[in-house]
Amino acid sequence: MEQGTFARRGLFAAVIGMGILIILGVIALVAVIIHRMSHPRLPVAAPAGISLSATAATIPSQTFLLHEPAGTRIEQIVWSNGPIMAIRLSGGGPDRIVLWDTGAGRSVGEINLAQ
């Protein structure tokens, strides 16, 4: 009988310990979410000529130069297994998306976003 009591106490301690860890994890997760909501990241300003380095398995390392007005900021870059890279820009004029052909090293289109 003593062996069963010892096992029950061990199991009871393990359950309490895991419950405490779950509570601490939830508190930490809520704290991180609150911190990120109260301290948003600011976009980084880019120079007038925006230079992007591309390194991919299929494309050798290159430098791409976008000629954009002063105050232009890169908001987002999307590039997915193809030669076309989409770059979302803001500032220095209306918000826009530039479509860049990484193989040819030139812009192939621009989409102006209405505000």
PDB file of N, CA and C in Angstrom:
ATOM      1  N   MET A   1       0.810  -1.193   0.000  1.00  0.00           N
ATOM      2  CA  MET A   1       0.000   0.000   0.000  1.00  0.00           C
ATOM      3  C   MET A   1       0.852   1.255   0.000  1.00  0.00           C
ATOM      4  N   GLU A   2       1.968   1.236   0.633  1.00  0.00           N
ATOM      5  CA  GLU A   2       2.817   2.420   0.680  1.00  0.00           C
ATOM      6  C   GLU A   2       3.315   2.790  -0.696  1.00  0.00           C
ATOM      7  N   GLN A   3       3.589   1.794  -1.521  1.00  0.00           N
ATOM      8  CA  GLN A   3       4.102   2.068  -2.857  1.00  0.00           C
ATOM      9  C   GLN A   3       3.042   2.794  -3.686  1.00  0.00           C
ATOM     10  N   GLY A   4       1.782   2.420  -3.577  1.00  0.00           N
ATOM     11  CA  GLY A   4       0.695   3.092  -4.290  1.00  0.00           C
ATOM     12  C   GLY A   4       0.516   4.521  -3.806  1.00  0.00           C
ATOM     13  N   THR A   5       0.656   4.762  -2.517  1.00  0.00           N
ATOM     14  CA  THR A   5       0.535   6.109  -1.966  1.00  0.00           C
ATOM     15  C   THR A   5       1.668   6.990  -2.467  1.00  0.00           C
ATOM     16  N   PHE A   6       2.879   6.437  -2.526  1.00  0.00           N
ATOM     17  CA  PHE A   6       4.036   7.188  -3.013  1.00  0.00           C
ATOM     18  C   PHE A   6       3.856   7.566  -4.483  1.00  0.00           C
ATOM     19  N   ALA A   7       3.330   6.642  -5.288  1.00  0.00           N
ATOM     20  CA  ALA A   7       3.098   6.897  -6.701  1.00  0.00           C
ATOM     21  C   ALA A   7       2.023   7.968  -6.883  1.00  0.00           C
ATOM     22  N   ARG A   8       0.970   7.913  -6.061  1.00  0.00           N
ATOM     23  CA  ARG A   8      -0.093   8.912  -6.149  1.00  0.00           C
ATOM     24  C   ARG A   8       0.422  10.297  -5.790  1.00  0.00           C
ATOM     25  N   ARG A   9       1.249  10.365  -4.769  1.00  0.00           N
ATOM     26  CA  ARG A   9       1.817  11.665  -4.369  1.00  0.00           C
ATOM     27  C   ARG A   9       2.725  12.212  -5.471  1.00  0.00           C
ATOM     28  N   GLY A  10       3.505  11.330  -6.090  1.00  0.00           N
ATOM     29  CA  GLY A  10       4.370  11.769  -7.185  1.00  0.00           C
ATOM     30  C   GLY A  10       3.558  12.279  -8.364  1.00  0.00           C
ATOM     31  N   LEU A  11       2.503  11.547  -8.707  1.00  0.00           N
ATOM     32  CA  LEU A  11       1.631  11.964  -9.805  1.00  0.00           C
ATOM     33  C   LEU A  11       0.932  13.279  -9.476  1.00  0.00           C
ATOM     34  N   PHE A  12       0.478  13.415  -8.246  1.00  0.00           N
ATOM     35  CA  PHE A  12      -0.179  14.647  -7.802  1.00  0.00           C
ATOM     36  C   PHE A  12       0.785  15.831  -7.903  1.00  0.00           C
ATOM     37  N   ALA A  13       2.037  15.655  -7.487  1.00  0.00           N
ATOM     38  CA  ALA A  13       3.041  16.722  -7.573  1.00  0.00           C
ATOM     39  C   ALA A  13       3.335  17.067  -9.035  1.00  0.00           C
ATOM     40  N   ALA A  14       3.388  16.061  -9.907  1.00  0.00           N
ATOM     41  CA  ALA A  14       3.641  16.316 -11.327  1.00  0.00           C
ATOM     42  C   ALA A  14       2.494  17.100 -11.956  1.00  0.00           C
ATOM     43  N   VAL A  15       1.259  16.777 -11.613  1.00  0.00           N
ATOM     44  CA  VAL A  15       0.096  17.490 -12.146  1.00  0.00           C
ATOM     45  C   VAL A  15       0.096  18.939 -11.678  1.00  0.00           C
ATOM     46  N   ILE A  16       0.384  19.162 -10.415  1.00  0.00           N
ATOM     47  CA  ILE A  16       0.445  20.532  -9.894  1.00  0.00           C
ATOM     48  C   ILE A  16       1.579  21.300 -10.576  1.00  0.00           C
ATOM     49  N   GLY A  17       2.734  20.674 -10.745  1.00  0.00           N
ATOM     50  CA  GLY A  17       3.864  21.332 -11.405  1.00  0.00           C
ATOM     51  C   GLY A  17       3.539  21.710 -12.841  1.00  0.00           C
ATOM     52  N   MET A  18       2.907  20.799 -13.588  1.00  0.00           N
ATOM     53  CA  MET A  18       2.539  21.105 -14.972  1.00  0.00           C
ATOM     54  C   MET A  18       1.474  22.197 -15.032  1.00  0.00           C
ATOM     55  N   GLY A  19       0.564  22.198 -14.106  1.00  0.00           N
ATOM     56  CA  GLY A  19      -0.452  23.262 -14.062  1.00  0.00           C
ATOM     57  C   GLY A  19       0.185  24.624 -13.838  1.00  0.00           C
ATOM     58  N   ILE A  20       1.165  24.680 -12.949  1.00  0.00           N
ATOM     59  CA  ILE A  20       1.877  25.939 -12.700  1.00  0.00           C
ATOM     60  C   ILE A  20       2.627  26.379 -13.951  1.00  0.00           C
ATOM     61  N   LEU A  21       3.280  25.437 -14.642  1.00  0.00           N
ATOM     62  CA  LEU A  21       3.992  25.781 -15.870  1.00  0.00           C
ATOM     63  C   LEU A  21       3.048  26.293 -16.955  1.00  0.00           C
ATOM     64  N   ILE A  22       1.861  25.703 -17.071  1.00  0.00           N
ATOM     65  CA  ILE A  22       0.878  26.173 -18.051  1.00  0.00           C
ATOM     66  C   ILE A  22       0.435  27.592 -17.722  1.00  0.00           C
ATOM     67  N   ILE A  23       0.164  27.856 -16.462  1.00  0.00           N
ATOM     68  CA  ILE A  23      -0.258  29.201 -16.051  1.00  0.00           C
ATOM     69  C   ILE A  23       0.849  30.218 -16.331  1.00  0.00           C
ATOM     70  N   LEU A  24       2.108  29.880 -16.000  1.00  0.00           N
ATOM     71  CA  LEU A  24       3.224  30.794 -16.264  1.00  0.00           C
ATOM     72  C   LEU A  24       3.403  31.028 -17.768  1.00  0.00           C
ATOM     73  N   GLY A  25       3.232  29.984 -18.567  1.00  0.00           N
ATOM     74  CA  GLY A  25       3.344  30.130 -20.021  1.00  0.00           C
ATOM     75  C   GLY A  25       2.272  31.045 -20.586  1.00  0.00           C
ATOM     76  N   VAL A  26       1.043  30.908 -20.123  1.00  0.00           N
ATOM     77  CA  VAL A  26      -0.046  31.766 -20.592  1.00  0.00           C
ATOM     78  C   VAL A  26       0.208  33.217 -20.186  1.00  0.00           C
ATOM     79  N   ILE A  27       0.677  33.436 -18.969  1.00  0.00           N
ATOM     80  CA  ILE A  27       0.994  34.791 -18.514  1.00  0.00           C
ATOM     81  C   ILE A  27       2.106  35.392 -19.364  1.00  0.00           C
ATOM     82  N   ALA A  28       3.134  34.611 -19.666  1.00  0.00           N
ATOM     83  CA  ALA A  28       4.233  35.112 -20.501  1.00  0.00           C
ATOM     84  C   ALA A  28       3.738  35.437 -21.904  1.00  0.00           C
ATOM     85  N   LEU A  29       2.892  34.595 -22.483  1.00  0.00           N
ATOM     86  CA  LEU A  29       2.345  34.833 -23.814  1.00  0.00           C
ATOM     87  C   LEU A  29       1.520  36.115 -23.843  1.00  0.00           C
ATOM     88  N   VAL A  30       0.667  36.327 -22.855  1.00  0.00           N
ATOM     89  CA  VAL A  30      -0.143  37.544 -22.785  1.00  0.00           C
ATOM     90  C   VAL A  30       0.754  38.768 -22.624  1.00  0.00           C
ATOM     91  N   ALA A  31       1.819  38.662 -21.816  1.00  0.00           N
ATOM     92  CA  ALA A  31       2.739  39.779 -21.630  1.00  0.00           C
ATOM     93  C   ALA A  31       3.449  40.137 -22.931  1.00  0.00           C
ATOM     94  N   VAL A  32       3.876  39.140 -23.702  1.00  0.00           N
ATOM     95  CA  VAL A  32       4.538  39.404 -24.985  1.00  0.00           C
ATOM     96  C   VAL A  32       3.573  40.065 -25.959  1.00  0.00           C
ATOM     97  N   ILE A  33       2.337  39.599 -26.016  1.00  0.00           N
ATOM     98  CA  ILE A  33       1.341  40.194 -26.919  1.00  0.00           C
ATOM     99  C   ILE A  33       1.081  41.642 -26.532  1.00  0.00           C
ATOM    100  N   ILE A  34       0.907  41.923 -25.250  1.00  0.00           N
ATOM    101  CA  ILE A  34       0.673  43.297 -24.792  1.00  0.00           C
ATOM    102  C   ILE A  34       1.874  44.173 -25.106  1.00  0.00           C
ATOM    103  N   HIS A  35       3.080  43.665 -24.894  1.00  0.00           N
ATOM    104  CA  HIS A  35       4.287  44.440 -25.176  1.00  0.00           C
ATOM    105  C   HIS A  35       4.388  44.772 -26.662  1.00  0.00           C
ATOM    106  N   ARG A  36       4.120  43.812 -27.532  1.00  0.00           N
ATOM    107  CA  ARG A  36       4.211  44.064 -28.976  1.00  0.00           C
ATOM    108  C   ARG A  36       3.123  45.007 -29.458  1.00  0.00           C
ATOM    109  N   MET A  37       1.950  44.957 -28.830  1.00  0.00           N
ATOM    110  CA  MET A  37       0.882  45.873 -29.227  1.00  0.00           C
ATOM    111  C   MET A  37       1.185  47.304 -28.780  1.00  0.00           C
ATOM    112  N   SER A  38       1.835  47.458 -27.643  1.00  0.00           N
ATOM    113  CA  SER A  38       2.112  48.799 -27.133  1.00  0.00           C
ATOM    114  C   SER A  38       3.415  49.379 -27.661  1.00  0.00           C
ATOM    115  N   HIS A  39       4.265  48.575 -28.304  1.00  0.00           N
ATOM    116  CA  HIS A  39       5.525  49.045 -28.880  1.00  0.00           C
ATOM    117  C   HIS A  39       5.630  48.588 -30.334  1.00  0.00           C
ATOM    118  N   PRO A  40       4.832  49.189 -31.256  1.00  0.00           N
ATOM    119  CA  PRO A  40       4.889  48.748 -32.653  1.00  0.00           C
ATOM    120  C   PRO A  40       6.206  49.149 -33.297  1.00  0.00           C
ATOM    121  N   ARG A  41       6.617  48.360 -34.270  1.00  0.00           N
ATOM    122  CA  ARG A  41       7.840  48.672 -35.013  1.00  0.00           C
ATOM    123  C   ARG A  41       7.556  49.786 -36.000  1.00  0.00           C
ATOM    124  N   LEU A  42       8.468  50.721 -36.106  1.00  0.00           N
ATOM    125  CA  LEU A  42       8.345  51.793 -37.078  1.00  0.00           C
ATOM    126  C   LEU A  42       9.066  51.386 -38.349  1.00  0.00           C
ATOM    127  N   PRO A  43       8.516  51.759 -39.522  1.00  0.00           N
ATOM    128  CA  PRO A  43       9.210  51.419 -40.758  1.00  0.00           C
ATOM    129  C   PRO A  43      10.546  52.153 -40.842  1.00  0.00           C
ATOM    130  N   VAL A  44      11.514  51.489 -41.433  1.00  0.00           N
ATOM    131  CA  VAL A  44      12.848  52.053 -41.566  1.00  0.00           C
ATOM    132  C   VAL A  44      12.915  52.850 -42.860  1.00  0.00           C
ATOM    133  N   ALA A  45      13.387  54.104 -42.764  1.00  0.00           N
ATOM    134  CA  ALA A  45      13.501  54.948 -43.952  1.00  0.00           C
ATOM    135  C   ALA A  45      14.660  54.467 -44.808  1.00  0.00           C
ATOM    136  N   ALA A  46      14.449  54.453 -46.114  1.00  0.00           N
ATOM    137  CA  ALA A  46      15.487  54.033 -47.053  1.00  0.00           C
ATOM    138  C   ALA A  46      15.994  55.257 -47.800  1.00  0.00           C
ATOM    139  N   PRO A  47      17.216  55.215 -48.298  1.00  0.00           N
ATOM    140  CA  PRO A  47      17.726  56.333 -49.084  1.00  0.00           C
ATOM    141  C   PRO A  47      16.999  56.448 -50.418  1.00  0.00           C
ATOM    142  N   ALA A  48      17.253  57.548 -51.155  1.00  0.00           N
ATOM    143  CA  ALA A  48      16.556  57.799 -52.414  1.00  0.00           C
ATOM    144  C   ALA A  48      16.778  56.671 -53.415  1.00  0.00           C
ATOM    145  N   GLY A  49      17.966  56.157 -53.540  1.00  0.00           N
ATOM    146  CA  GLY A  49      18.241  55.005 -54.388  1.00  0.00           C
ATOM    147  C   GLY A  49      18.243  53.782 -53.502  1.00  0.00           C
ATOM    148  N   ILE A  50      17.249  52.923 -53.643  1.00  0.00           N
ATOM    149  CA  ILE A  50      17.112  51.779 -52.757  1.00  0.00           C
ATOM    150  C   ILE A  50      17.896  50.618 -53.345  1.00  0.00           C
ATOM    151  N   SER A  51      18.800  50.061 -52.576  1.00  0.00           N
ATOM    152  CA  SER A  51      19.629  48.963 -53.056  1.00  0.00           C
ATOM    153  C   SER A  51      19.237  47.687 -52.332  1.00  0.00           C
ATOM    154  N   LEU A  52      18.937  46.644 -53.086  1.00  0.00           N
ATOM    155  CA  LEU A  52      18.551  45.360 -52.521  1.00  0.00           C
ATOM    156  C   LEU A  52      19.519  44.298 -53.009  1.00  0.00           C
ATOM    157  N   SER A  53      20.041  43.495 -52.112  1.00  0.00           N
ATOM    158  CA  SER A  53      20.898  42.389 -52.519  1.00  0.00           C
ATOM    159  C   SER A  53      20.063  41.124 -52.579  1.00  0.00           C
ATOM    160  N   ALA A  54      20.190  40.377 -53.647  1.00  0.00           N
ATOM    161  CA  ALA A  54      19.428  39.136 -53.813  1.00  0.00           C
ATOM    162  C   ALA A  54      20.390  37.968 -53.733  1.00  0.00           C
ATOM    163  N   THR A  55      20.075  37.040 -52.854  1.00  0.00           N
ATOM    164  CA  THR A  55      20.845  35.804 -52.802  1.00  0.00           C
ATOM    165  C   THR A  55      19.847  34.664 -52.752  1.00  0.00           C
ATOM    166  N   ALA A  56      19.802  33.898 -53.808  1.00  0.00           N
ATOM    167  CA  ALA A  56      18.930  32.737 -53.873  1.00  0.00           C
ATOM    168  C   ALA A  56      19.706  31.608 -54.517  1.00  0.00           C
ATOM    169  N   ALA A  57      19.209  30.407 -54.389  1.00  0.00           N
ATOM    170  CA  ALA A  57      19.921  29.249 -54.920  1.00  0.00           C
ATOM    171  C   ALA A  57      20.020  29.305 -56.444  1.00  0.00           C
ATOM    172  N   THR A  58      19.017  29.898 -57.098  1.00  0.00           N
ATOM    173  CA  THR A  58      19.005  29.903 -58.554  1.00  0.00           C
ATOM    174  C   THR A  58      19.557  31.187 -59.152  1.00  0.00           C
ATOM    175  N   ILE A  59      19.675  32.241 -58.346  1.00  0.00           N
ATOM    176  CA  ILE A  59      20.117  33.534 -58.867  1.00  0.00           C
ATOM    177  C   ILE A  59      21.415  33.921 -58.182  1.00  0.00           C
ATOM    178  N   PRO A  60      22.454  34.250 -58.952  1.00  0.00           N
ATOM    179  CA  PRO A  60      23.698  34.676 -58.313  1.00  0.00           C
ATOM    180  C   PRO A  60      23.499  36.002 -57.579  1.00  0.00           C
ATOM    181  N   SER A  61      24.373  36.283 -56.645  1.00  0.00           N
ATOM    182  CA  SER A  61      24.270  37.497 -55.851  1.00  0.00           C
ATOM    183  C   SER A  61      24.349  38.731 -56.751  1.00  0.00           C
ATOM    184  N   GLN A  62      23.362  39.612 -56.622  1.00  0.00           N
ATOM    185  CA  GLN A  62      23.289  40.821 -57.429  1.00  0.00           C
ATOM    186  C   GLN A  62      22.859  41.980 -56.541  1.00  0.00           C
ATOM    187  N   THR A  63      23.043  43.193 -57.030  1.00  0.00           N
ATOM    188  CA  THR A  63      22.524  44.374 -56.360  1.00  0.00           C
ATOM    189  C   THR A  63      21.510  45.021 -57.290  1.00  0.00           C
ATOM    190  N   PHE A  64      20.304  45.272 -56.768  1.00  0.00           N
ATOM    191  CA  PHE A  64      19.256  45.904 -57.534  1.00  0.00           C
ATOM    192  C   PHE A  64      19.114  47.335 -57.050  1.00  0.00           C
ATOM    193  N   LEU A  65      18.980  48.274 -57.972  1.00  0.00           N
ATOM    194  CA  LEU A  65      18.874  49.678 -57.617  1.00  0.00           C
ATOM    195  C   LEU A  65      17.547  50.229 -58.117  1.00  0.00           C
ATOM    196  N   LEU A  66      16.708  50.665 -57.168  1.00  0.00           N
ATOM    197  CA  LEU A  66      15.442  51.307 -57.503  1.00  0.00           C
ATOM    198  C   LEU A  66      15.647  52.808 -57.388  1.00  0.00           C
ATOM    199  N   HIS A  67      15.318  53.549 -58.409  1.00  0.00           N
ATOM    200  CA  HIS A  67      15.453  55.005 -58.368  1.00  0.00           C
ATOM    201  C   HIS A  67      14.135  55.592 -57.878  1.00  0.00           C
ATOM    202  N   GLU A  68      14.084  55.878 -56.599  1.00  0.00           N
ATOM    203  CA  GLU A  68      12.879  56.392 -55.964  1.00  0.00           C
ATOM    204  C   GLU A  68      13.187  57.734 -55.312  1.00  0.00           C
ATOM    205  N   PRO A  69      12.166  58.589 -55.122  1.00  0.00           N
ATOM    206  CA  PRO A  69      12.395  59.897 -54.508  1.00  0.00           C
ATOM    207  C   PRO A  69      12.801  59.784 -53.035  1.00  0.00           C
ATOM    208  N   ALA A  70      13.412  60.861 -52.536  1.00  0.00           N
ATOM    209  CA  ALA A  70      13.833  60.909 -51.126  1.00  0.00           C
ATOM    210  C   ALA A  70      12.611  60.715 -50.228  1.00  0.00           C
ATOM    211  N   GLY A  71      12.807  60.048 -49.109  1.00  0.00           N
ATOM    212  CA  GLY A  71      11.724  59.780 -48.169  1.00  0.00           C
ATOM    213  C   GLY A  71      10.991  58.483 -48.426  1.00  0.00           C
ATOM    214  N   THR A  72      11.404  57.743 -49.433  1.00  0.00           N
ATOM    215  CA  THR A  72      10.760  56.466 -49.754  1.00  0.00           C
ATOM    216  C   THR A  72      11.181  55.410 -48.734  1.00  0.00           C
ATOM    217  N   ARG A  73      10.205  54.631 -48.275  1.00  0.00           N
ATOM    218  CA  ARG A  73      10.459  53.564 -47.307  1.00  0.00           C
ATOM    219  C   ARG A  73       9.981  52.239 -47.871  1.00  0.00           C
ATOM    220  N   ILE A  74      10.760  51.185 -47.631  1.00  0.00           N
ATOM    221  CA  ILE A  74      10.336  49.839 -48.007  1.00  0.00           C
ATOM    222  C   ILE A  74       9.436  49.328 -46.887  1.00  0.00           C
ATOM    223  N   GLU A  75       8.201  49.015 -47.223  1.00  0.00           N
ATOM    224  CA  GLU A  75       7.251  48.497 -46.239  1.00  0.00           C
ATOM    225  C   GLU A  75       7.256  46.972 -46.221  1.00  0.00           C
ATOM    226  N   GLN A  76       7.394  46.352 -47.413  1.00  0.00           N
ATOM    227  CA  GLN A  76       7.304  44.895 -47.482  1.00  0.00           C
ATOM    228  C   GLN A  76       7.940  44.417 -48.780  1.00  0.00           C
ATOM    229  N   ILE A  77       8.584  43.239 -48.723  1.00  0.00           N
ATOM    230  CA  ILE A  77       9.148  42.603 -49.906  1.00  0.00           C
ATOM    231  C   ILE A  77       8.580  41.188 -49.979  1.00  0.00           C
ATOM    232  N   VAL A  78       8.059  40.816 -51.142  1.00  0.00           N
ATOM    233  CA  VAL A  78       7.516  39.469 -51.339  1.00  0.00           C
ATOM    234  C   VAL A  78       8.219  38.862 -52.542  1.00  0.00           C
ATOM    235  N   TRP A  79       8.814  37.683 -52.327  1.00  0.00           N
ATOM    236  CA  TRP A  79       9.541  37.015 -53.390  1.00  0.00           C
ATOM    237  C   TRP A  79       9.371  35.527 -53.185  1.00  0.00           C
ATOM    238  N   SER A  80       8.786  34.825 -54.152  1.00  0.00           N
ATOM    239  CA  SER A  80       8.451  33.427 -53.949  1.00  0.00           C
ATOM    240  C   SER A  80       8.791  32.591 -55.169  1.00  0.00           C
ATOM    241  N   ASN A  81       9.944  31.929 -55.153  1.00  0.00           N
ATOM    242  CA  ASN A  81      10.331  30.928 -56.158  1.00  0.00           C
ATOM    243  C   ASN A  81      10.089  31.349 -57.608  1.00  0.00           C
ATOM    244  N   GLY A  82      10.388  32.559 -57.941  1.00  0.00           N
ATOM    245  CA  GLY A  82      10.228  33.005 -59.320  1.00  0.00           C
ATOM    246  C   GLY A  82      11.091  34.220 -59.562  1.00  0.00           C
ATOM    247  N   PRO A  83      11.095  34.691 -60.790  1.00  0.00           N
ATOM    248  CA  PRO A  83      11.958  35.830 -61.097  1.00  0.00           C
ATOM    249  C   PRO A  83      11.380  37.177 -60.680  1.00  0.00           C
ATOM    250  N   ILE A  84      10.068  37.250 -60.360  1.00  0.00           N
ATOM    251  CA  ILE A  84       9.439  38.530 -60.035  1.00  0.00           C
ATOM    252  C   ILE A  84       9.372  38.724 -58.524  1.00  0.00           C
ATOM    253  N   MET A  85       9.841  39.892 -58.083  1.00  0.00           N
ATOM    254  CA  MET A  85       9.824  40.265 -56.667  1.00  0.00           C
ATOM    255  C   MET A  85       8.926  41.496 -56.539  1.00  0.00           C
ATOM    256  N   ALA A  86       8.007  41.491 -55.578  1.00  0.00           N
ATOM    257  CA  ALA A  86       7.126  42.633 -55.341  1.00  0.00           C
ATOM    258  C   ALA A  86       7.650  43.400 -54.133  1.00  0.00           C
ATOM    259  N   ILE A  87       7.797  44.716 -54.304  1.00  0.00           N
ATOM    260  CA  ILE A  87       8.316  45.576 -53.244  1.00  0.00           C
ATOM    261  C   ILE A  87       7.275  46.654 -52.973  1.00  0.00           C
ATOM    262  N   ARG A  88       6.749  46.691 -51.748  1.00  0.00           N
ATOM    263  CA  ARG A  88       5.760  47.709 -51.370  1.00  0.00           C
ATOM    264  C   ARG A  88       6.500  48.905 -50.800  1.00  0.00           C
ATOM    265  N   LEU A  89       6.295  50.079 -51.400  1.00  0.00           N
ATOM    266  CA  LEU A  89       6.979  51.305 -51.000  1.00  0.00           C
ATOM    267  C   LEU A  89       5.968  52.334 -50.526  1.00  0.00           C
ATOM    268  N   SER A  90       6.381  53.161 -49.564  1.00  0.00           N
ATOM    269  CA  SER A  90       5.552  54.280 -49.121  1.00  0.00           C
ATOM    270  C   SER A  90       6.450  55.490 -48.945  1.00  0.00           C
ATOM    271  N   GLY A  91       5.860  56.669 -48.905  1.00  0.00           N
ATOM    272  CA  GLY A  91       6.618  57.906 -48.785  1.00  0.00           C
ATOM    273  C   GLY A  91       7.216  58.295 -50.124  1.00  0.00           C
ATOM    274  N   GLY A  92       7.584  59.557 -50.259  1.00  0.00           N
ATOM    275  CA  GLY A  92       8.160  60.015 -51.506  1.00  0.00           C
ATOM    276  C   GLY A  92       7.155  59.997 -52.641  1.00  0.00           C
ATOM    277  N   GLY A  93       5.878  60.098 -52.332  1.00  0.00           N
ATOM    278  CA  GLY A  93       4.814  60.020 -53.328  1.00  0.00           C
ATOM    279  C   GLY A  93       3.740  59.070 -52.837  1.00  0.00           C
ATOM    280  N   PRO A  94       2.829  58.660 -53.732  1.00  0.00           N
ATOM    281  CA  PRO A  94       1.778  57.737 -53.291  1.00  0.00           C
ATOM    282  C   PRO A  94       2.362  56.357 -52.964  1.00  0.00           C
ATOM    283  N   ASP A  95       1.669  55.653 -52.082  1.00  0.00           N
ATOM    284  CA  ASP A  95       2.084  54.278 -51.798  1.00  0.00           C
ATOM    285  C   ASP A  95       1.988  53.466 -53.085  1.00  0.00           C
ATOM    286  N   ARG A  96       2.945  52.561 -53.273  1.00  0.00           N
ATOM    287  CA  ARG A  96       2.999  51.822 -54.520  1.00  0.00           C
ATOM    288  C   ARG A  96       3.664  50.465 -54.329  1.00  0.00           C
ATOM    289  N   ILE A  97       3.438  49.597 -55.291  1.00  0.00           N
ATOM    290  CA  ILE A  97       4.093  48.295 -55.342  1.00  0.00           C
ATOM    291  C   ILE A  97       4.877  48.237 -56.642  1.00  0.00           C
ATOM    292  N   VAL A  98       6.176  47.989 -56.528  1.00  0.00           N
ATOM    293  CA  VAL A  98       7.037  47.878 -57.702  1.00  0.00           C
ATOM    294  C   VAL A  98       7.282  46.401 -57.962  1.00  0.00           C
ATOM    295  N   LEU A  99       7.070  45.962 -59.192  1.00  0.00           N
ATOM    296  CA  LEU A  99       7.349  44.585 -59.589  1.00  0.00           C
ATOM    297  C   LEU A  99       8.719  44.565 -60.251  1.00  0.00           C
ATOM    298  N   TRP A 100       9.631  43.768 -59.694  1.00  0.00           N
ATOM    299  CA  TRP A 100      11.027  43.770 -60.127  1.00  0.00           C
ATOM    300  C   TRP A 100      11.385  42.402 -60.688  1.00  0.00           C
ATOM    301  N   ASP A 101      11.911  42.378 -61.916  1.00  0.00           N
ATOM    302  CA  ASP A 101      12.374  41.141 -62.544  1.00  0.00           C
ATOM    303  C   ASP A 101      13.818  40.929 -62.101  1.00  0.00           C
ATOM    304  N   THR A 102      14.042  39.945 -61.221  1.00  0.00           N
ATOM    305  CA  THR A 102      15.381  39.718 -60.676  1.00  0.00           C
ATOM    306  C   THR A 102      16.327  39.137 -61.716  1.00  0.00           C
ATOM    307  N   GLY A 103      15.799  38.436 -62.705  1.00  0.00           N
ATOM    308  CA  GLY A 103      16.647  37.871 -63.752  1.00  0.00           C
ATOM    309  C   GLY A 103      17.198  38.951 -64.671  1.00  0.00           C
ATOM    310  N   ALA A 104      16.337  39.897 -65.056  1.00  0.00           N
ATOM    311  CA  ALA A 104      16.742  40.971 -65.962  1.00  0.00           C
ATOM    312  C   ALA A 104      17.321  42.163 -65.207  1.00  0.00           C
ATOM    313  N   GLY A 105      17.064  42.250 -63.899  1.00  0.00           N
ATOM    314  CA  GLY A 105      17.570  43.364 -63.109  1.00  0.00           C
ATOM    315  C   GLY A 105      16.907  44.683 -63.442  1.00  0.00           C
ATOM    316  N   ARG A 106      15.575  44.651 -63.677  1.00  0.00           N
ATOM    317  CA  ARG A 106      14.862  45.872 -64.018  1.00  0.00           C
ATOM    318  C   ARG A 106      13.416  45.797 -63.528  1.00  0.00           C
ATOM    319  N   SER A 107      12.808  46.968 -63.421  1.00  0.00           N
ATOM    320  CA  SER A 107      11.405  47.057 -63.026  1.00  0.00           C
ATOM    321  C   SER A 107      10.529  46.671 -64.205  1.00  0.00           C
ATOM    322  N   VAL A 108       9.527  45.822 -63.953  1.00  0.00           N
ATOM    323  CA  VAL A 108       8.611  45.409 -65.013  1.00  0.00           C
ATOM    324  C   VAL A 108       7.198  45.955 -64.812  1.00  0.00           C
ATOM    325  N   GLY A 109       6.993  46.670 -63.722  1.00  0.00           N
ATOM    326  CA  GLY A 109       5.669  47.243 -63.500  1.00  0.00           C
ATOM    327  C   GLY A 109       5.587  47.941 -62.171  1.00  0.00           C
ATOM    328  N   GLU A 110       4.574  48.789 -62.054  1.00  0.00           N
ATOM    329  CA  GLU A 110       4.325  49.513 -60.803  1.00  0.00           C
ATOM    330  C   GLU A 110       2.831  49.646 -60.612  1.00  0.00           C
ATOM    331  N   ILE A 111       2.382  49.430 -59.389  1.00  0.00           N
ATOM    332  CA  ILE A 111       0.976  49.558 -59.039  1.00  0.00           C
ATOM    333  C   ILE A 111       0.876  50.664 -58.003  1.00  0.00           C
ATOM    334  N   ASN A 112       0.133  51.758 -58.319  1.00  0.00           N
ATOM    335  CA  ASN A 112      -0.071  52.831 -57.361  1.00  0.00           C
ATOM    336  C   ASN A 112      -1.290  52.501 -56.516  1.00  0.00           C
ATOM    337  N   LEU A 113      -1.157  52.602 -55.205  1.00  0.00           N
ATOM    338  CA  LEU A 113      -2.236  52.286 -54.281  1.00  0.00           C
ATOM    339  C   LEU A 113      -2.955  53.562 -53.901  1.00  0.00           C
ATOM    340  N   ALA A 114      -4.243  53.618 -54.114  1.00  0.00           N
ATOM    341  CA  ALA A 114      -5.035  54.796 -53.738  1.00  0.00           C
ATOM    342  C   ALA A 114      -5.229  54.823 -52.238  1.00  0.00           C
ATOM    343  N   GLN A 115      -5.196  56.010 -51.677  1.00  0.00           N
ATOM    344  CA  GLN A 115      -5.372  56.123 -50.221  1.00  0.00           C
ATOM    345  C   GLN A 115      -6.728  56.610 -49.867  1.00  0.00           C
TER     346      GLN A 115
END
